[in-house]
Structures are given as structure tokens and as C-alpha cells.
Amino acid sequence: MSKLQILCSCLLLLTGCGQSTDEMALTPVSGTITYQGTPIAEGVIRLVPQSGSSAPVRTTQINAGNYEFSERSAVKPGTYQVEISAYQGETGLPGDQPGGSSTSRKQYLPEQFNTKSTIAPLIIPPDSDSVQHDFNLK
């Protein structure tokens, strides 16, 4: 074998084929979120990995009480602190209004569910096909 053939063979072995192990380790997570018995119409759920984890923070929207982390936003196995924010008022972002005024959009959940979350950590076990987890905030 020539040196070029050996080099090409080594490169092929190093690159492998198929999905990387990081991609294969991702787990879809979904569920419903209610506050005082009512589905959260619009909001955001954020999963923050506990210290020492190499997993990234994951964030997804809550629509009509449902959330879903799937495909590229799926979650690595591990333990996550959960932060949930819910919004009411006009849709849109600050500055969308004429003259740069803010919208009347308001985050209405108590801080114990978001900035100072006391929600029990979410644990994603290794080798899970998917995880269904509902949050009933009171």
C-alpha cells in the first residue's frame, strides 16, 4: 500500500460514519405545564444543567400548555434545574411598537418557578428513548 492509501484509510477510520455519540445521547423531553390548574398559554421553559455537567442549557417555548425538546434541542442525560416563565399581554417584543415603546407583555409567575426556582430537578436517565414530564405549578 502506498503512503497516500494508508493516510486515507486512517482518516476514514478517524472520521467514522453515522451520528456522533453526542447526537445519539440526546433524549426528547415533552409534557404539559399548568399554573393553578390552567395550562400556560405562552411561556418559556429552561433546563439548566447542574454544576459539573458538560450539557448545554436548553430552552424551548410553551404553547397552549405544551412544551417539547426534540431533534436538535433534545436533552443530554443528566440532572437539570427547571426554570419556567409565563407571559400575558400583547404579543411581540419590546421595541416592536411605533416610536420604540415597550409592549405591555408581562411575566406573571412567581420567582419560585423561574429566577429563584424551587421546582424539583428534572433527571434525564441515560439510554432513555424519550421522557414525558408534566409540571403542575401551584
C-alpha atoms as a PDB file:
ATOM      1  CA  MET A   1       0.000   0.000   0.000  1.00  0.00           C
ATOM      2  CA  SER A   2       1.199   3.483  -0.767  1.00  0.00           C
ATOM      3  CA  LYS A   3       1.586   6.140   1.919  1.00  0.00           C
ATOM      4  CA  LEU A   4      -1.368   8.019   0.417  1.00  0.00           C
ATOM      5  CA  GLN A   5      -3.628   4.960   0.677  1.00  0.00           C
ATOM      6  CA  ILE A   6      -2.566   4.391   4.291  1.00  0.00           C
ATOM      7  CA  LEU A   7      -3.219   8.047   5.134  1.00  0.00           C
ATOM      8  CA  CYS A   8      -6.670   7.943   3.508  1.00  0.00           C
ATOM      9  CA  SER A   9      -7.522   4.737   5.364  1.00  0.00           C
ATOM     10  CA  CYS A  10      -6.500   6.285   8.698  1.00  0.00           C
ATOM     11  CA  LEU A  11      -8.545   9.416   8.023  1.00  0.00           C
ATOM     12  CA  LEU A  12     -11.571   7.316   7.139  1.00  0.00           C
ATOM     13  CA  LEU A  13     -11.260   5.380  10.396  1.00  0.00           C
ATOM     14  CA  LEU A  14     -10.901   8.581  12.420  1.00  0.00           C
ATOM     15  CA  THR A  15     -13.960  10.256  10.894  1.00  0.00           C
ATOM     16  CA  GLY A  16     -16.207   7.244  11.380  1.00  0.00           C
ATOM     17  CA  CYS A  17     -19.705   7.154   9.974  1.00  0.00           C
ATOM     18  CA  GLY A  18     -23.206   7.878  11.176  1.00  0.00           C
ATOM     19  CA  GLN A  19     -24.110  10.085  14.123  1.00  0.00           C
ATOM     20  CA  SER A  20     -21.655  11.237  16.740  1.00  0.00           C
ATOM     21  CA  THR A  21     -22.043   9.836  20.234  1.00  0.00           C
ATOM     22  CA  ASP A  22     -23.169  13.286  21.437  1.00  0.00           C
ATOM     23  CA  GLU A  23     -26.078  13.302  18.977  1.00  0.00           C
ATOM     24  CA  MET A  24     -27.067   9.737  19.856  1.00  0.00           C
ATOM     25  CA  ALA A  25     -27.138  10.604  23.567  1.00  0.00           C
ATOM     26  CA  LEU A  26     -29.857  13.255  23.177  1.00  0.00           C
ATOM     27  CA  THR A  27     -33.267  12.470  24.681  1.00  0.00           C
ATOM     28  CA  PRO A  28     -36.539  14.084  23.574  1.00  0.00           C
ATOM     29  CA  VAL A  29     -38.419  15.596  26.536  1.00  0.00           C
ATOM     30  CA  SER A  30     -42.016  16.821  26.427  1.00  0.00           C
ATOM     31  CA  GLY A  31     -45.015  17.442  28.623  1.00  0.00           C
ATOM     32  CA  THR A  32     -47.586  19.921  29.830  1.00  0.00           C
ATOM     33  CA  ILE A  33     -47.260  22.882  32.178  1.00  0.00           C
ATOM     34  CA  THR A  34     -50.122  24.306  34.225  1.00  0.00           C
ATOM     35  CA  TYR A  35     -50.273  27.113  36.762  1.00  0.00           C
ATOM     36  CA  GLN A  36     -53.033  26.919  39.367  1.00  0.00           C
ATOM     37  CA  GLY A  37     -54.759  24.269  37.249  1.00  0.00           C
ATOM     38  CA  THR A  38     -54.742  26.274  33.988  1.00  0.00           C
ATOM     39  CA  PRO A  39     -52.424  25.474  31.050  1.00  0.00           C
ATOM     40  CA  ILE A  40     -49.805  28.170  30.471  1.00  0.00           C
ATOM     41  CA  ALA A  41     -50.814  29.770  27.169  1.00  0.00           C
ATOM     42  CA  GLU A  42     -47.417  31.280  26.339  1.00  0.00           C
ATOM     43  CA  GLY A  43     -44.065  30.963  28.025  1.00  0.00           C
ATOM     44  CA  VAL A  44     -40.600  29.501  28.150  1.00  0.00           C
ATOM     45  CA  ILE A  45     -39.108  26.504  29.954  1.00  0.00           C
ATOM     46  CA  ARG A  46     -35.379  26.449  30.577  1.00  0.00           C
ATOM     47  CA  LEU A  47     -33.331  23.432  31.676  1.00  0.00           C
ATOM     48  CA  VAL A  48     -30.059  24.407  33.354  1.00  0.00           C
ATOM     49  CA  PRO A  49     -27.581  21.549  33.907  1.00  0.00           C
ATOM     50  CA  GLN A  50     -26.354  21.166  37.462  1.00  0.00           C
ATOM     51  CA  SER A  51     -22.739  22.140  38.102  1.00  0.00           C
ATOM     52  CA  GLY A  52     -20.099  19.773  36.789  1.00  0.00           C
ATOM     53  CA  SER A  53     -22.144  18.844  33.728  1.00  0.00           C
ATOM     54  CA  SER A  54     -20.939  19.499  30.197  1.00  0.00           C
ATOM     55  CA  ALA A  55     -24.510  19.608  28.888  1.00  0.00           C
ATOM     56  CA  PRO A  56     -25.726  22.906  27.434  1.00  0.00           C
ATOM     57  CA  VAL A  57     -28.662  24.916  28.772  1.00  0.00           C
ATOM     58  CA  ARG A  58     -31.826  24.059  26.836  1.00  0.00           C
ATOM     59  CA  THR A  59     -34.723  26.463  26.284  1.00  0.00           C
ATOM     60  CA  THR A  60     -37.985  25.954  24.425  1.00  0.00           C
ATOM     61  CA  GLN A  61     -41.347  27.656  24.119  1.00  0.00           C
ATOM     62  CA  ILE A  62     -44.524  26.733  25.948  1.00  0.00           C
ATOM     63  CA  ASN A  63     -47.601  26.952  23.725  1.00  0.00           C
ATOM     64  CA  ALA A  64     -51.119  26.153  24.965  1.00  0.00           C
ATOM     65  CA  GLY A  65     -49.644  24.387  27.985  1.00  0.00           C
ATOM     66  CA  ASN A  66     -47.324  22.115  25.975  1.00  0.00           C
ATOM     67  CA  TYR A  67     -43.552  22.064  25.596  1.00  0.00           C
ATOM     68  CA  GLU A  68     -41.169  19.847  23.638  1.00  0.00           C
ATOM     69  CA  PHE A  69     -37.403  19.480  23.451  1.00  0.00           C
ATOM     70  CA  SER A  70     -36.811  17.404  20.322  1.00  0.00           C
ATOM     71  CA  GLU A  71     -34.342  16.834  17.496  1.00  0.00           C
ATOM     72  CA  ARG A  72     -31.507  19.369  17.921  1.00  0.00           C
ATOM     73  CA  SER A  73     -32.987  20.808  21.112  1.00  0.00           C
ATOM     74  CA  ALA A  74     -33.270  17.362  22.756  1.00  0.00           C
ATOM     75  CA  VAL A  75     -31.544  16.971  26.118  1.00  0.00           C
ATOM     76  CA  LYS A  76     -28.397  15.116  27.213  1.00  0.00           C
ATOM     77  CA  PRO A  77     -28.767  12.717  30.142  1.00  0.00           C
ATOM     78  CA  GLY A  78     -28.212  14.411  33.482  1.00  0.00           C
ATOM     79  CA  THR A  79     -29.859  16.468  36.194  1.00  0.00           C
ATOM     80  CA  TYR A  80     -31.345  19.867  35.355  1.00  0.00           C
ATOM     81  CA  GLN A  81     -32.694  22.787  37.351  1.00  0.00           C
ATOM     82  CA  VAL A  82     -36.046  23.823  35.832  1.00  0.00           C
ATOM     83  CA  GLU A  83     -36.999  27.473  35.269  1.00  0.00           C
ATOM     84  CA  ILE A  84     -40.428  28.368  33.869  1.00  0.00           C
ATOM     85  CA  SER A  85     -41.644  31.802  32.771  1.00  0.00           C
ATOM     86  CA  ALA A  86     -45.168  32.568  31.551  1.00  0.00           C
ATOM     87  CA  TYR A  87     -46.289  35.672  29.683  1.00  0.00           C
ATOM     88  CA  GLN A  88     -49.543  37.523  29.226  1.00  0.00           C
ATOM     89  CA  GLY A  89     -50.433  40.692  27.382  1.00  0.00           C
ATOM     90  CA  GLU A  90     -49.704  41.832  23.850  1.00  0.00           C
ATOM     91  CA  THR A  91     -47.539  39.615  21.718  1.00  0.00           C
ATOM     92  CA  GLY A  92     -44.298  40.830  20.246  1.00  0.00           C
ATOM     93  CA  LEU A  93     -41.016  42.136  21.544  1.00  0.00           C
ATOM     94  CA  PRO A  94     -40.159  45.433  23.191  1.00  0.00           C
ATOM     95  CA  GLY A  95     -39.482  47.998  20.503  1.00  0.00           C
ATOM     96  CA  ASP A  96     -41.950  46.459  18.040  1.00  0.00           C
ATOM     97  CA  GLN A  97     -44.386  49.293  18.747  1.00  0.00           C
ATOM     98  CA  PRO A  98     -44.143  52.619  16.864  1.00  0.00           C
ATOM     99  CA  GLY A  99     -41.731  55.039  18.490  1.00  0.00           C
ATOM    100  CA  GLY A 100     -39.807  52.199  20.196  1.00  0.00           C
ATOM    101  CA  SER A 101     -42.203  51.877  23.141  1.00  0.00           C
ATOM    102  CA  SER A 102     -42.401  48.583  25.018  1.00  0.00           C
ATOM    103  CA  THR A 103     -45.295  46.217  24.750  1.00  0.00           C
ATOM    104  CA  SER A 104     -47.483  45.520  27.760  1.00  0.00           C
ATOM    105  CA  ARG A 105     -46.223  41.936  27.890  1.00  0.00           C
ATOM    106  CA  LYS A 106     -45.718  40.697  31.454  1.00  0.00           C
ATOM    107  CA  GLN A 107     -44.127  37.622  33.061  1.00  0.00           C
ATOM    108  CA  TYR A 108     -46.633  36.617  35.743  1.00  0.00           C
ATOM    109  CA  LEU A 109     -45.274  33.521  37.515  1.00  0.00           C
ATOM    110  CA  PRO A 110     -43.743  33.938  40.982  1.00  0.00           C
ATOM    111  CA  GLU A 111     -39.937  33.836  41.098  1.00  0.00           C
ATOM    112  CA  GLN A 112     -40.023  30.422  42.831  1.00  0.00           C
ATOM    113  CA  PHE A 113     -40.771  28.996  39.368  1.00  0.00           C
ATOM    114  CA  ASN A 114     -38.119  30.940  37.411  1.00  0.00           C
ATOM    115  CA  THR A 115     -35.327  33.232  38.717  1.00  0.00           C
ATOM    116  CA  LYS A 116     -35.279  31.546  42.156  1.00  0.00           C
ATOM    117  CA  SER A 117     -36.666  28.201  41.089  1.00  0.00           C
ATOM    118  CA  THR A 118     -37.658  25.694  43.753  1.00  0.00           C
ATOM    119  CA  ILE A 119     -39.040  23.237  41.178  1.00  0.00           C
ATOM    120  CA  ALA A 120     -37.676  19.725  41.761  1.00  0.00           C
ATOM    121  CA  PRO A 121     -34.757  18.981  39.423  1.00  0.00           C
ATOM    122  CA  LEU A 122     -35.543  17.080  36.233  1.00  0.00           C
ATOM    123  CA  ILE A 123     -33.476  13.912  35.827  1.00  0.00           C
ATOM    124  CA  ILE A 124     -32.894  12.532  32.332  1.00  0.00           C
ATOM    125  CA  PRO A 125     -31.655   8.932  32.661  1.00  0.00           C
ATOM    126  CA  PRO A 126     -29.041   7.595  30.222  1.00  0.00           C
ATOM    127  CA  ASP A 127     -30.334   5.491  27.315  1.00  0.00           C
ATOM    128  CA  SER A 128     -33.911   6.842  27.548  1.00  0.00           C
ATOM    129  CA  ASP A 129     -35.953   6.776  24.348  1.00  0.00           C
ATOM    130  CA  SER A 130     -37.936   9.815  25.489  1.00  0.00           C
ATOM    131  CA  VAL A 131     -39.113  11.462  28.703  1.00  0.00           C
ATOM    132  CA  GLN A 132     -42.636  12.723  29.388  1.00  0.00           C
ATOM    133  CA  HIS A 133     -42.751  15.124  32.356  1.00  0.00           C
ATOM    134  CA  ASP A 134     -45.614  17.399  33.371  1.00  0.00           C
ATOM    135  CA  PHE A 135     -45.268  20.411  35.670  1.00  0.00           C
ATOM    136  CA  ASN A 136     -48.260  21.407  37.817  1.00  0.00           C
ATOM    137  CA  LEU A 137     -47.318  24.721  39.391  1.00  0.00           C
ATOM    138  CA  LYS A 138     -49.398  25.903  42.358  1.00  0.00           C
END
